[in-house]
Amino acid sequence: MPSDETNGNGSRPGTAGDEVEGLDRSEGGEGGRDKSASVLLADDAAAPTTTGGAEATGSDGSRLGSELSGLDRLELGGGGPRQGRARRVWSLTWPKLAAIALGIGFWQLAVEMEWKPEYALARPSDAFGSLWDLVSEGTLWTALDITLRRALGGFAMALLLGIAVGILVAGSKPVRVAVGSLITGLQTMPSIAWFPLAILLFGKSEGAITFVVVLGAAPSIANGLITGIDQIPPILRRAGRVLGARGVSAYRHVVLPAALPSFIGGLKQGWAFAWRSLMAGELLVIIRGQASLGYLLTVNRDLNDSAGLLAVMIAILIIGIVVDTVFFGTLDRTIRRRWGLVETAG
């Protein structure tokens, strides 16, 4: 006969098997769940845990925090986030440095083989020396100020015109049929072809240069926006209408944000066309007292100064690389990350 002995508190001492059996029987009720939770908490409180060599006891929350901190240390191992950022920067930088070194190597080889006389093709060392002289004298900074003001002003006007035309064409089928192909035709038209008309209309003035810059960039911006709007999933538009987004509100909150990834590509292409058009305009339209980059190219060409000419060309190339990498590259990565179009580490 089993004994009916009880503990001081009136409960019968049982074995581990009895406790498990008792827990199983009481799973369906609130009392059973409370008892199970109390047993688990008592076990956790009795089991010591260590974090970083220091002993700590507590509930499941403290143990979970210790485990998460350990995972964080494992993930950030090998130098931490700063070293990881440095590696990413280096992975983006070394291909450009390698391409630059390769280009300079071919340039030096062509000079050594006397492919062209030195007055026509200067040595890389002479060209970079002339570039340093332009920088130290301040001539390059003055020219950059004039050229960049023209570029930013013309690109801003092209941006407004391109967005207006893109929204109009994408939102109206008759307008798309009427001028849709015309926009592509204007985009493929060489910028230099606009200058005779621009000079007739505005003379050799800032207006002629701005006219050509706008016509060079606006079609690319408009086409980028049209493509982005065309690629919006129809379900997004229907969801916007259900939520009350109609008319201007639909474009502001649904259409334009959804079209941004493709629109950024149109902006990059529009800037490239604007920059090319501006360089062509500054070569053809020389304005007194405006020593722009195009003016420096013309002067060095007239003086047969190959080193100075190549120095200005290097400066123009550097500006193009910096704008594409720092501004448009960062903008494109940010938009794609926010829209979930890039794979994130996890």
C-alpha atoms as a PDB file:
ATOM      1  CA  MET A   1       0.000   0.000   0.000  1.00  0.00           C
ATOM      2  CA  PRO A   2       1.450   3.366  -0.894  1.00  0.00           C
ATOM      3  CA  SER A   3       1.888   5.666   2.024  1.00  0.00           C
ATOM      4  CA  ASP A   4      -0.103   8.836   2.387  1.00  0.00           C
ATOM      5  CA  GLU A   5       2.789  10.835   3.783  1.00  0.00           C
ATOM      6  CA  THR A   6       2.718  14.524   3.062  1.00  0.00           C
ATOM      7  CA  ASN A   7       5.215  17.364   3.224  1.00  0.00           C
ATOM      8  CA  GLY A   8       4.960  20.219   5.590  1.00  0.00           C
ATOM      9  CA  ASN A   9       2.806  22.172   3.175  1.00  0.00           C
ATOM     10  CA  GLY A  10       0.353  19.346   2.760  1.00  0.00           C
ATOM     11  CA  SER A  11       1.505  18.065  -0.611  1.00  0.00           C
ATOM     12  CA  ARG A  12       2.688  14.572  -1.312  1.00  0.00           C
ATOM     13  CA  PRO A  13       6.312  14.224  -2.436  1.00  0.00           C
ATOM     14  CA  GLY A  14       6.357  12.750  -5.876  1.00  0.00           C
ATOM     15  CA  THR A  15       8.907  11.582  -8.347  1.00  0.00           C
ATOM     16  CA  ALA A  16       9.953  13.325 -11.579  1.00  0.00           C
ATOM     17  CA  GLY A  17       7.675  11.008 -13.509  1.00  0.00           C
ATOM     18  CA  ASP A  18       4.737  11.965 -11.284  1.00  0.00           C
ATOM     19  CA  GLU A  19       5.436  15.653 -11.864  1.00  0.00           C
ATOM     20  CA  VAL A  20       5.563  15.213 -15.639  1.00  0.00           C
ATOM     21  CA  GLU A  21       2.390  13.150 -15.557  1.00  0.00           C
ATOM     22  CA  GLY A  22       0.733  15.797 -13.434  1.00  0.00           C
ATOM     23  CA  LEU A  23       1.798  18.514 -15.855  1.00  0.00           C
ATOM     24  CA  ASP A  24       0.426  16.530 -18.789  1.00  0.00           C
ATOM     25  CA  ARG A  25      -2.928  16.124 -17.063  1.00  0.00           C
ATOM     26  CA  SER A  26      -3.168  19.827 -16.264  1.00  0.00           C
ATOM     27  CA  GLU A  27      -2.201  21.242 -19.697  1.00  0.00           C
ATOM     28  CA  GLY A  28      -5.785  21.971 -20.614  1.00  0.00           C
ATOM     29  CA  GLY A  29      -6.526  24.225 -17.637  1.00  0.00           C
ATOM     30  CA  GLU A  30      -5.344  27.594 -16.465  1.00  0.00           C
ATOM     31  CA  GLY A  31      -3.964  26.107 -13.250  1.00  0.00           C
ATOM     32  CA  GLY A  32      -1.894  23.610 -15.177  1.00  0.00           C
ATOM     33  CA  ARG A  33      -0.431  26.292 -17.366  1.00  0.00           C
ATOM     34  CA  ASP A  34       0.387  28.442 -14.354  1.00  0.00           C
ATOM     35  CA  LYS A  35       2.069  25.507 -12.658  1.00  0.00           C
ATOM     36  CA  SER A  36       4.056  24.663 -15.806  1.00  0.00           C
ATOM     37  CA  ALA A  37       5.227  28.239 -16.102  1.00  0.00           C
ATOM     38  CA  SER A  38       6.246  28.335 -12.441  1.00  0.00           C
ATOM     39  CA  VAL A  39       8.243  25.100 -12.801  1.00  0.00           C
ATOM     40  CA  LEU A  40      10.046  26.427 -15.888  1.00  0.00           C
ATOM     41  CA  LEU A  41      10.839  29.725 -14.227  1.00  0.00           C
ATOM     42  CA  ALA A  42      12.126  27.924 -11.154  1.00  0.00           C
ATOM     43  CA  ASP A  43      14.400  25.758 -13.310  1.00  0.00           C
ATOM     44  CA  ASP A  44      15.722  28.790 -15.182  1.00  0.00           C
ATOM     45  CA  ALA A  45      16.379  30.664 -11.972  1.00  0.00           C
ATOM     46  CA  ALA A  46      18.309  27.701 -10.621  1.00  0.00           C
ATOM     47  CA  ALA A  47      20.454  27.281 -13.770  1.00  0.00           C
ATOM     48  CA  PRO A  48      23.392  29.749 -13.893  1.00  0.00           C
ATOM     49  CA  THR A  49      24.376  31.339 -17.215  1.00  0.00           C
ATOM     50  CA  THR A  50      27.575  33.127 -18.111  1.00  0.00           C
ATOM     51  CA  THR A  51      27.982  36.173 -20.317  1.00  0.00           C
ATOM     52  CA  GLY A  52      31.479  37.319 -21.188  1.00  0.00           C
ATOM     53  CA  GLY A  53      33.008  35.333 -18.314  1.00  0.00           C
ATOM     54  CA  ALA A  54      30.677  36.768 -15.621  1.00  0.00           C
ATOM     55  CA  GLU A  55      28.082  34.500 -14.003  1.00  0.00           C
ATOM     56  CA  ALA A  56      24.495  35.681 -14.240  1.00  0.00           C
ATOM     57  CA  THR A  57      21.210  34.107 -13.240  1.00  0.00           C
ATOM     58  CA  GLY A  58      17.729  35.186 -14.186  1.00  0.00           C
ATOM     59  CA  SER A  59      14.675  34.558 -16.278  1.00  0.00           C
ATOM     60  CA  ASP A  60      14.352  33.646 -19.957  1.00  0.00           C
ATOM     61  CA  GLY A  61      14.673  37.337 -20.858  1.00  0.00           C
ATOM     62  CA  SER A  62      18.184  37.584 -19.431  1.00  0.00           C
ATOM     63  CA  ARG A  63      19.247  34.359 -21.120  1.00  0.00           C
ATOM     64  CA  LEU A  64      17.817  35.553 -24.448  1.00  0.00           C
ATOM     65  CA  GLY A  65      19.670  38.858 -24.111  1.00  0.00           C
ATOM     66  CA  SER A  66      22.913  36.992 -23.434  1.00  0.00           C
ATOM     67  CA  GLU A  67      22.412  34.763 -26.472  1.00  0.00           C
ATOM     68  CA  LEU A  68      21.598  37.735 -28.729  1.00  0.00           C
ATOM     69  CA  SER A  69      24.650  39.636 -27.549  1.00  0.00           C
ATOM     70  CA  GLY A  70      26.751  36.586 -28.323  1.00  0.00           C
ATOM     71  CA  LEU A  71      25.272  36.417 -31.817  1.00  0.00           C
ATOM     72  CA  ASP A  72      25.990  40.109 -32.320  1.00  0.00           C
ATOM     73  CA  ARG A  73      29.621  39.566 -31.340  1.00  0.00           C
ATOM     74  CA  LEU A  74      29.876  36.699 -33.799  1.00  0.00           C
ATOM     75  CA  GLU A  75      28.307  38.705 -36.635  1.00  0.00           C
ATOM     76  CA  LEU A  76      30.488  41.731 -35.968  1.00  0.00           C
ATOM     77  CA  GLY A  77      33.639  39.697 -35.541  1.00  0.00           C
ATOM     78  CA  GLY A  78      36.733  40.255 -37.601  1.00  0.00           C
ATOM     79  CA  GLY A  79      36.983  44.016 -37.158  1.00  0.00           C
ATOM     80  CA  GLY A  80      33.361  45.105 -36.671  1.00  0.00           C
ATOM     81  CA  PRO A  81      31.209  47.286 -38.899  1.00  0.00           C
ATOM     82  CA  ARG A  82      33.971  49.816 -39.581  1.00  0.00           C
ATOM     83  CA  GLN A  83      36.170  47.199 -41.219  1.00  0.00           C
ATOM     84  CA  GLY A  84      33.190  45.882 -43.194  1.00  0.00           C
ATOM     85  CA  ARG A  85      32.485  49.395 -44.492  1.00  0.00           C
ATOM     86  CA  ALA A  86      36.133  49.808 -45.460  1.00  0.00           C
ATOM     87  CA  ARG A  87      35.997  46.558 -47.403  1.00  0.00           C
ATOM     88  CA  ARG A  88      32.900  47.681 -49.294  1.00  0.00           C
ATOM     89  CA  VAL A  89      34.522  51.011 -50.172  1.00  0.00           C
ATOM     90  CA  TRP A  90      37.660  49.252 -51.352  1.00  0.00           C
ATOM     91  CA  SER A  91      35.649  46.770 -53.459  1.00  0.00           C
ATOM     92  CA  LEU A  92      34.022  49.732 -55.231  1.00  0.00           C
ATOM     93  CA  THR A  93      37.264  51.696 -55.586  1.00  0.00           C
ATOM     94  CA  TRP A  94      39.902  49.268 -56.797  1.00  0.00           C
ATOM     95  CA  PRO A  95      38.250  48.467 -60.186  1.00  0.00           C
ATOM     96  CA  LYS A  96      38.164  52.198 -61.013  1.00  0.00           C
ATOM     97  CA  LEU A  97      41.795  52.622 -59.943  1.00  0.00           C
ATOM     98  CA  ALA A  98      42.799  49.608 -62.033  1.00  0.00           C
ATOM     99  CA  ALA A  99      40.993  50.992 -65.103  1.00  0.00           C
ATOM    100  CA  ILE A 100      42.661  54.404 -64.647  1.00  0.00           C
ATOM    101  CA  ALA A 101      46.099  52.801 -64.277  1.00  0.00           C
ATOM    102  CA  LEU A 102      45.506  50.703 -67.394  1.00  0.00           C
ATOM    103  CA  GLY A 103      44.428  53.748 -69.416  1.00  0.00           C
ATOM    104  CA  ILE A 104      47.462  55.773 -68.317  1.00  0.00           C
ATOM    105  CA  GLY A 105      49.681  52.815 -69.187  1.00  0.00           C
ATOM    106  CA  PHE A 106      48.346  52.662 -72.767  1.00  0.00           C
ATOM    107  CA  TRP A 107      48.689  56.437 -73.015  1.00  0.00           C
ATOM    108  CA  GLN A 108      52.339  56.288 -71.937  1.00  0.00           C
ATOM    109  CA  LEU A 109      52.968  53.407 -74.347  1.00  0.00           C
ATOM    110  CA  ALA A 110      51.561  55.416 -77.268  1.00  0.00           C
ATOM    111  CA  VAL A 111      53.867  58.325 -76.373  1.00  0.00           C
ATOM    112  CA  GLU A 112      56.924  56.067 -76.102  1.00  0.00           C
ATOM    113  CA  MET A 113      56.171  54.494 -79.497  1.00  0.00           C
ATOM    114  CA  GLU A 114      55.961  58.060 -80.966  1.00  0.00           C
ATOM    115  CA  TRP A 115      52.532  57.364 -82.411  1.00  0.00           C
ATOM    116  CA  LYS A 116      51.966  61.131 -82.619  1.00  0.00           C
ATOM    117  CA  PRO A 117      54.343  64.084 -82.135  1.00  0.00           C
ATOM    118  CA  GLU A 118      54.559  65.362 -78.568  1.00  0.00           C
ATOM    119  CA  TYR A 119      52.900  68.696 -79.360  1.00  0.00           C
ATOM    120  CA  ALA A 120      49.794  66.681 -80.351  1.00  0.00           C
ATOM    121  CA  LEU A 121      49.957  63.988 -77.658  1.00  0.00           C
ATOM    122  CA  ALA A 122      51.730  65.050 -74.480  1.00  0.00           C
ATOM    123  CA  ARG A 123      53.089  62.683 -71.848  1.00  0.00           C
ATOM    124  CA  PRO A 124      50.829  61.783 -68.921  1.00  0.00           C
ATOM    125  CA  SER A 125      53.264  63.437 -66.514  1.00  0.00           C
ATOM    126  CA  ASP A 126      53.097  66.706 -68.472  1.00  0.00           C
ATOM    127  CA  ALA A 127      49.287  66.619 -68.609  1.00  0.00           C
ATOM    128  CA  PHE A 128      48.933  66.009 -64.878  1.00  0.00           C
ATOM    129  CA  GLY A 129      51.519  68.740 -64.245  1.00  0.00           C
ATOM    130  CA  SER A 130      49.411  71.192 -66.265  1.00  0.00           C
ATOM    131  CA  LEU A 131      46.323  70.079 -64.335  1.00  0.00           C
ATOM    132  CA  TRP A 132      48.084  70.839 -61.064  1.00  0.00           C
ATOM    133  CA  ASP A 133      49.058  74.278 -62.359  1.00  0.00           C
ATOM    134  CA  LEU A 134      45.424  75.015 -63.273  1.00  0.00           C
ATOM    135  CA  VAL A 135      44.309  73.941 -59.803  1.00  0.00           C
ATOM    136  CA  SER A 136      46.996  75.869 -57.891  1.00  0.00           C
ATOM    137  CA  GLU A 137      46.484  79.045 -59.926  1.00  0.00           C
ATOM    138  CA  GLY A 138      42.701  78.939 -59.421  1.00  0.00           C
ATOM    139  CA  THR A 139      41.967  78.950 -63.148  1.00  0.00           C
ATOM    140  CA  LEU A 140      40.266  75.559 -62.995  1.00  0.00           C
ATOM    141  CA  TRP A 141      38.024  76.563 -60.082  1.00  0.00           C
ATOM    142  CA  THR A 142      36.815  79.661 -61.927  1.00  0.00           C
ATOM    143  CA  ALA A 143      36.058  77.617 -65.035  1.00  0.00           C
ATOM    144  CA  LEU A 144      34.287  74.949 -62.970  1.00  0.00           C
ATOM    145  CA  ASP A 145      32.092  77.548 -61.300  1.00  0.00           C
ATOM    146  CA  ILE A 146      30.905  78.934 -64.640  1.00  0.00           C
ATOM    147  CA  THR A 147      30.384  75.531 -66.264  1.00  0.00           C
ATOM    148  CA  LEU A 148      28.615  73.899 -63.315  1.00  0.00           C
ATOM    149  CA  ARG A 149      26.247  76.853 -62.911  1.00  0.00           C
ATOM    150  CA  ARG A 150      25.276  76.473 -66.558  1.00  0.00           C
ATOM    151  CA  ALA A 151      24.909  72.710 -66.183  1.00  0.00           C
ATOM    152  CA  LEU A 152      22.764  72.843 -63.047  1.00  0.00           C
ATOM    153  CA  GLY A 153      20.538  75.622 -64.379  1.00  0.00           C
ATOM    154  CA  GLY A 154      19.939  73.875 -67.700  1.00  0.00           C
ATOM    155  CA  PHE A 155      19.402  70.491 -66.047  1.00  0.00           C
ATOM    156  CA  ALA A 156      16.854  71.953 -63.601  1.00  0.00           C
ATOM    157  CA  MET A 157      14.852  73.409 -66.485  1.00  0.00           C
ATOM    158  CA  ALA A 158      15.098  70.115 -68.380  1.00  0.00           C
ATOM    159  CA  LEU A 159      13.917  68.259 -65.264  1.00  0.00           C
ATOM    160  CA  LEU A 160      10.762  70.359 -64.961  1.00  0.00           C
ATOM    161  CA  LEU A 161      10.006  70.083 -68.681  1.00  0.00           C
ATOM    162  CA  GLY A 162      10.735  66.356 -68.792  1.00  0.00           C
ATOM    163  CA  ILE A 163       8.503  65.564 -65.800  1.00  0.00           C
ATOM    164  CA  ALA A 164       5.613  67.600 -67.233  1.00  0.00           C
ATOM    165  CA  VAL A 165       5.885  65.986 -70.669  1.00  0.00           C
ATOM    166  CA  GLY A 166       6.353  62.503 -69.191  1.00  0.00           C
ATOM    167  CA  ILE A 167       3.231  62.740 -66.996  1.00  0.00           C
ATOM    168  CA  LEU A 168       1.206  64.165 -69.881  1.00  0.00           C
ATOM    169  CA  VAL A 169       2.255  61.454 -72.330  1.00  0.00           C
ATOM    170  CA  ALA A 170       1.907  58.587 -69.850  1.00  0.00           C
ATOM    171  CA  GLY A 171      -1.550  59.720 -68.724  1.00  0.00           C
ATOM    172  CA  SER A 172      -3.133  60.361 -72.120  1.00  0.00           C
ATOM    173  CA  LYS A 173      -3.319  57.849 -74.970  1.00  0.00           C
ATOM    174  CA  PRO A 174      -3.971  60.477 -77.699  1.00  0.00           C
ATOM    175  CA  VAL A 175      -0.958  62.496 -76.552  1.00  0.00           C
ATOM    176  CA  ARG A 176       1.181  59.341 -76.476  1.00  0.00           C
ATOM    177  CA  VAL A 177       0.163  58.477 -80.039  1.00  0.00           C
ATOM    178  CA  ALA A 178       0.824  62.057 -81.167  1.00  0.00           C
ATOM    179  CA  VAL A 179       4.202  62.798 -79.586  1.00  0.00           C
ATOM    180  CA  GLY A 180       5.462  59.545 -78.021  1.00  0.00           C
ATOM    181  CA  SER A 181       7.774  58.652 -80.903  1.00  0.00           C
ATOM    182  CA  LEU A 182       8.741  62.318 -81.326  1.00  0.00           C
ATOM    183  CA  ILE A 183      10.308  62.306 -77.855  1.00  0.00           C
ATOM    184  CA  THR A 184      12.511  59.353 -78.795  1.00  0.00           C
ATOM    185  CA  GLY A 185      13.455  61.077 -82.037  1.00  0.00           C
ATOM    186  CA  LEU A 186      14.507  64.205 -80.156  1.00  0.00           C
ATOM    187  CA  GLN A 187      16.513  62.068 -77.742  1.00  0.00           C
ATOM    188  CA  THR A 188      18.522  60.474 -80.560  1.00  0.00           C
ATOM    189  CA  MET A 189      19.189  63.786 -82.311  1.00  0.00           C
ATOM    190  CA  PRO A 190      22.827  64.945 -81.867  1.00  0.00           C
ATOM    191  CA  SER A 191      23.135  67.985 -79.630  1.00  0.00           C
ATOM    192  CA  ILE A 192      25.501  69.710 -82.032  1.00  0.00           C
ATOM    193  CA  ALA A 193      22.717  69.795 -84.624  1.00  0.00           C
ATOM    194  CA  TRP A 194      20.704  72.201 -82.457  1.00  0.00           C
ATOM    195  CA  PHE A 195      23.380  74.891 -82.272  1.00  0.00           C
ATOM    196  CA  PRO A 196      22.857  76.552 -85.660  1.00  0.00           C
ATOM    197  CA  LEU A 197      19.197  77.063 -84.744  1.00  0.00           C
ATOM    198  CA  ALA A 198      20.082  78.119 -81.196  1.00  0.00           C
ATOM    199  CA  ILE A 199      22.532  80.759 -82.474  1.00  0.00           C
ATOM    200  CA  LEU A 200      19.938  82.076 -84.920  1.00  0.00           C
ATOM    201  CA  LEU A 201      17.347  82.322 -82.143  1.00  0.00           C
ATOM    202  CA  PHE A 202      19.476  83.617 -79.267  1.00  0.00           C
ATOM    203  CA  GLY A 203      22.761  84.681 -80.809  1.00  0.00           C
ATOM    204  CA  LYS A 204      26.058  83.705 -79.190  1.00  0.00           C
ATOM    205  CA  SER A 205      24.763  84.043 -75.651  1.00  0.00           C
ATOM    206  CA  GLU A 206      23.930  82.076 -72.528  1.00  0.00           C
ATOM    207  CA  GLY A 207      20.442  81.527 -73.929  1.00  0.00           C
ATOM    208  CA  ALA A 208      21.809  79.513 -76.853  1.00  0.00           C
ATOM    209  CA  ILE A 209      23.767  77.215 -74.549  1.00  0.00           C
ATOM    210  CA  THR A 210      20.823  76.730 -72.176  1.00  0.00           C
ATOM    211  CA  PHE A 211      18.479  76.025 -75.093  1.00  0.00           C
ATOM    212  CA  VAL A 212      20.651  73.171 -76.330  1.00  0.00           C
ATOM    213  CA  VAL A 213      21.226  71.762 -72.826  1.00  0.00           C
ATOM    214  CA  VAL A 214      17.490  71.622 -72.146  1.00  0.00           C
ATOM    215  CA  LEU A 215      16.692  69.984 -75.483  1.00  0.00           C
ATOM    216  CA  GLY A 216      19.495  67.493 -74.935  1.00  0.00           C
ATOM    217  CA  ALA A 217      18.357  66.389 -71.465  1.00  0.00           C
ATOM    218  CA  ALA A 218      14.553  66.752 -71.367  1.00  0.00           C
ATOM    219  CA  PRO A 219      13.683  63.881 -73.784  1.00  0.00           C
ATOM    220  CA  SER A 220      15.737  61.373 -71.777  1.00  0.00           C
ATOM    221  CA  ILE A 221      14.107  62.485 -68.519  1.00  0.00           C
ATOM    222  CA  ALA A 222      10.627  62.259 -70.050  1.00  0.00           C
ATOM    223  CA  ASN A 223      11.276  58.800 -71.498  1.00  0.00           C
ATOM    224  CA  GLY A 224      12.604  57.576 -68.155  1.00  0.00           C
ATOM    225  CA  LEU A 225       9.442  58.727 -66.383  1.00  0.00           C
ATOM    226  CA  ILE A 226       7.172  57.264 -69.086  1.00  0.00           C
ATOM    227  CA  THR A 227       8.937  53.904 -68.834  1.00  0.00           C
ATOM    228  CA  GLY A 228       8.685  53.929 -65.040  1.00  0.00           C
ATOM    229  CA  ILE A 229       4.943  54.680 -65.117  1.00  0.00           C
ATOM    230  CA  ASP A 230       4.321  51.998 -67.750  1.00  0.00           C
ATOM    231  CA  GLN A 231       6.016  49.396 -65.534  1.00  0.00           C
ATOM    232  CA  ILE A 232       3.860  50.044 -62.452  1.00  0.00           C
ATOM    233  CA  PRO A 233       1.856  46.893 -61.565  1.00  0.00           C
ATOM    234  CA  PRO A 234      -1.876  47.537 -62.135  1.00  0.00           C
ATOM    235  CA  ILE A 235      -2.657  46.221 -58.657  1.00  0.00           C
ATOM    236  CA  LEU A 236      -0.879  49.228 -57.119  1.00  0.00           C
ATOM    237  CA  ARG A 237      -3.098  51.642 -59.023  1.00  0.00           C
ATOM    238  CA  ARG A 238      -6.235  49.719 -57.989  1.00  0.00           C
ATOM    239  CA  ALA A 239      -5.088  49.690 -54.372  1.00  0.00           C
ATOM    240  CA  GLY A 240      -4.525  53.434 -54.516  1.00  0.00           C
ATOM    241  CA  ARG A 241      -8.030  54.021 -55.873  1.00  0.00           C
ATOM    242  CA  VAL A 242      -9.511  51.846 -53.156  1.00  0.00           C
ATOM    243  CA  LEU A 243      -7.681  53.926 -50.542  1.00  0.00           C
ATOM    244  CA  GLY A 244      -8.967  57.149 -52.092  1.00  0.00           C
ATOM    245  CA  ALA A 245      -5.936  58.244 -54.117  1.00  0.00           C
ATOM    246  CA  ARG A 246      -7.284  59.851 -57.276  1.00  0.00           C
ATOM    247  CA  GLY A 247      -6.083  62.542 -59.641  1.00  0.00           C
ATOM    248  CA  VAL A 248      -3.138  64.551 -58.347  1.00  0.00           C
ATOM    249  CA  SER A 249      -3.154  62.576 -55.097  1.00  0.00           C
ATOM    250  CA  ALA A 250      -2.714  59.311 -57.037  1.00  0.00           C
ATOM    251  CA  TYR A 251       0.320  60.668 -58.876  1.00  0.00           C
ATOM    252  CA  ARG A 252       1.827  62.066 -55.690  1.00  0.00           C
ATOM    253  CA  HIS A 253       1.364  59.026 -53.450  1.00  0.00           C
ATOM    254  CA  VAL A 254       1.241  56.062 -55.870  1.00  0.00           C
ATOM    255  CA  VAL A 255       2.390  56.679 -59.447  1.00  0.00           C
ATOM    256  CA  LEU A 256       5.516  58.799 -59.006  1.00  0.00           C
ATOM    257  CA  PRO A 257       6.931  56.846 -56.013  1.00  0.00           C
ATOM    258  CA  ALA A 258       6.393  53.541 -57.840  1.00  0.00           C
ATOM    259  CA  ALA A 259       8.087  54.895 -60.986  1.00  0.00           C
ATOM    260  CA  LEU A 260      11.153  56.228 -59.140  1.00  0.00           C
ATOM    261  CA  PRO A 261      13.577  53.293 -59.809  1.00  0.00           C
ATOM    262  CA  SER A 262      13.204  53.619 -63.592  1.00  0.00           C
ATOM    263  CA  PHE A 263      13.005  57.402 -63.382  1.00  0.00           C
ATOM    264  CA  ILE A 264      16.456  57.544 -61.758  1.00  0.00           C
ATOM    265  CA  GLY A 265      17.861  55.835 -64.863  1.00  0.00           C
ATOM    266  CA  GLY A 266      16.268  58.547 -67.008  1.00  0.00           C
ATOM    267  CA  LEU A 267      17.798  61.227 -64.785  1.00  0.00           C
ATOM    268  CA  LYS A 268      21.269  59.732 -65.181  1.00  0.00           C
ATOM    269  CA  GLN A 269      20.905  59.584 -68.940  1.00  0.00           C
ATOM    270  CA  GLY A 270      19.485  63.097 -69.016  1.00  0.00           C
ATOM    271  CA  TRP A 271      22.479  64.416 -67.062  1.00  0.00           C
ATOM    272  CA  ALA A 272      24.857  62.692 -69.486  1.00  0.00           C
ATOM    273  CA  PHE A 273      23.142  64.350 -72.467  1.00  0.00           C
ATOM    274  CA  ALA A 274      23.077  67.711 -70.687  1.00  0.00           C
ATOM    275  CA  TRP A 275      26.805  67.517 -69.888  1.00  0.00           C
ATOM    276  CA  ARG A 276      27.707  66.590 -73.482  1.00  0.00           C
ATOM    277  CA  SER A 277      25.499  69.338 -74.872  1.00  0.00           C
ATOM    278  CA  LEU A 278      27.057  71.873 -72.522  1.00  0.00           C
ATOM    279  CA  MET A 279      30.599  70.961 -73.552  1.00  0.00           C
ATOM    280  CA  ALA A 280      29.674  71.268 -77.229  1.00  0.00           C
ATOM    281  CA  GLY A 281      27.986  74.604 -76.569  1.00  0.00           C
ATOM    282  CA  GLU A 282      30.968  76.054 -74.716  1.00  0.00           C
ATOM    283  CA  LEU A 283      33.229  75.084 -77.617  1.00  0.00           C
ATOM    284  CA  LEU A 284      31.021  76.802 -80.179  1.00  0.00           C
ATOM    285  CA  VAL A 285      29.708  79.773 -78.189  1.00  0.00           C
ATOM    286  CA  ILE A 286      32.517  81.776 -76.608  1.00  0.00           C
ATOM    287  CA  ILE A 287      31.239  84.540 -74.351  1.00  0.00           C
ATOM    288  CA  ARG A 288      33.612  87.331 -73.338  1.00  0.00           C
ATOM    289  CA  GLY A 289      34.550  87.234 -69.679  1.00  0.00           C
ATOM    290  CA  GLN A 290      33.259  83.671 -69.226  1.00  0.00           C
ATOM    291  CA  ALA A 291      36.379  81.469 -68.976  1.00  0.00           C
ATOM    292  CA  SER A 292      34.529  78.147 -68.805  1.00  0.00           C
ATOM    293  CA  LEU A 293      35.922  74.652 -69.334  1.00  0.00           C
ATOM    294  CA  GLY A 294      34.981  74.834 -73.000  1.00  0.00           C
ATOM    295  CA  TYR A 295      36.823  78.135 -73.291  1.00  0.00           C
ATOM    296  CA  LEU A 296      39.966  76.553 -71.791  1.00  0.00           C
ATOM    297  CA  LEU A 297      39.724  73.708 -74.315  1.00  0.00           C
ATOM    298  CA  THR A 298      39.492  76.192 -77.182  1.00  0.00           C
ATOM    299  CA  VAL A 299      42.429  78.300 -75.985  1.00  0.00           C
ATOM    300  CA  ASN A 300      44.719  75.294 -75.505  1.00  0.00           C
ATOM    301  CA  ARG A 301      43.761  73.935 -78.905  1.00  0.00           C
ATOM    302  CA  ASP A 302      44.567  77.268 -80.587  1.00  0.00           C
ATOM    303  CA  LEU A 303      47.946  77.352 -78.797  1.00  0.00           C
ATOM    304  CA  ASN A 304      48.752  73.709 -79.697  1.00  0.00           C
ATOM    305  CA  ASP A 305      49.197  73.094 -75.965  1.00  0.00           C
ATOM    306  CA  SER A 306      48.506  69.378 -75.817  1.00  0.00           C
ATOM    307  CA  ALA A 307      49.349  69.096 -72.117  1.00  0.00           C
ATOM    308  CA  GLY A 308      46.924  71.882 -71.175  1.00  0.00           C
ATOM    309  CA  LEU A 309      44.217  70.471 -73.455  1.00  0.00           C
ATOM    310  CA  LEU A 310      44.505  66.992 -71.956  1.00  0.00           C
ATOM    311  CA  ALA A 311      44.549  68.478 -68.438  1.00  0.00           C
ATOM    312  CA  VAL A 312      41.154  70.118 -69.000  1.00  0.00           C
ATOM    313  CA  MET A 313      39.818  66.890 -70.524  1.00  0.00           C
ATOM    314  CA  ILE A 314      40.948  64.979 -67.429  1.00  0.00           C
ATOM    315  CA  ALA A 315      39.103  67.494 -65.238  1.00  0.00           C
ATOM    316  CA  ILE A 316      35.922  67.049 -67.301  1.00  0.00           C
ATOM    317  CA  LEU A 317      36.234  63.263 -67.006  1.00  0.00           C
ATOM    318  CA  ILE A 318      36.722  63.450 -63.221  1.00  0.00           C
ATOM    319  CA  ILE A 319      33.613  65.601 -62.849  1.00  0.00           C
ATOM    320  CA  GLY A 320      31.559  63.068 -64.811  1.00  0.00           C
ATOM    321  CA  ILE A 321      32.801  60.170 -62.676  1.00  0.00           C
ATOM    322  CA  VAL A 322      32.223  62.002 -59.391  1.00  0.00           C
ATOM    323  CA  VAL A 323      28.673  63.083 -60.283  1.00  0.00           C
ATOM    324  CA  ASP A 324      27.729  59.598 -61.446  1.00  0.00           C
ATOM    325  CA  THR A 325      29.284  57.792 -58.472  1.00  0.00           C
ATOM    326  CA  VAL A 326      28.587  60.144 -55.591  1.00  0.00           C
ATOM    327  CA  PHE A 327      25.219  61.619 -56.535  1.00  0.00           C
ATOM    328  CA  PHE A 328      23.383  59.338 -58.952  1.00  0.00           C
ATOM    329  CA  GLY A 329      24.997  56.146 -57.669  1.00  0.00           C
ATOM    330  CA  THR A 330      24.046  56.915 -54.059  1.00  0.00           C
ATOM    331  CA  LEU A 331      20.537  58.001 -55.080  1.00  0.00           C
ATOM    332  CA  ASP A 332      20.000  54.849 -57.132  1.00  0.00           C
ATOM    333  CA  ARG A 333      21.174  52.526 -54.330  1.00  0.00           C
ATOM    334  CA  THR A 334      19.034  54.340 -51.758  1.00  0.00           C
ATOM    335  CA  ILE A 335      15.883  54.147 -53.876  1.00  0.00           C
ATOM    336  CA  ARG A 336      16.382  50.484 -54.749  1.00  0.00           C
ATOM    337  CA  ARG A 337      17.057  49.574 -51.120  1.00  0.00           C
ATOM    338  CA  ARG A 338      13.932  51.348 -49.894  1.00  0.00           C
ATOM    339  CA  TRP A 339      11.844  49.753 -52.641  1.00  0.00           C
ATOM    340  CA  GLY A 340      13.213  46.293 -51.834  1.00  0.00           C
ATOM    341  CA  LEU A 341      14.958  45.847 -55.199  1.00  0.00           C
ATOM    342  CA  VAL A 342      18.358  44.841 -53.787  1.00  0.00           C
ATOM    343  CA  GLU A 343      19.261  41.845 -51.673  1.00  0.00           C
ATOM    344  CA  THR A 344      20.230  42.777 -48.139  1.00  0.00           C
ATOM    345  CA  ALA A 345      22.455  40.720 -45.919  1.00  0.00           C
ATOM    346  CA  GLY A 346      20.544  38.942 -43.207  1.00  0.00           C
END
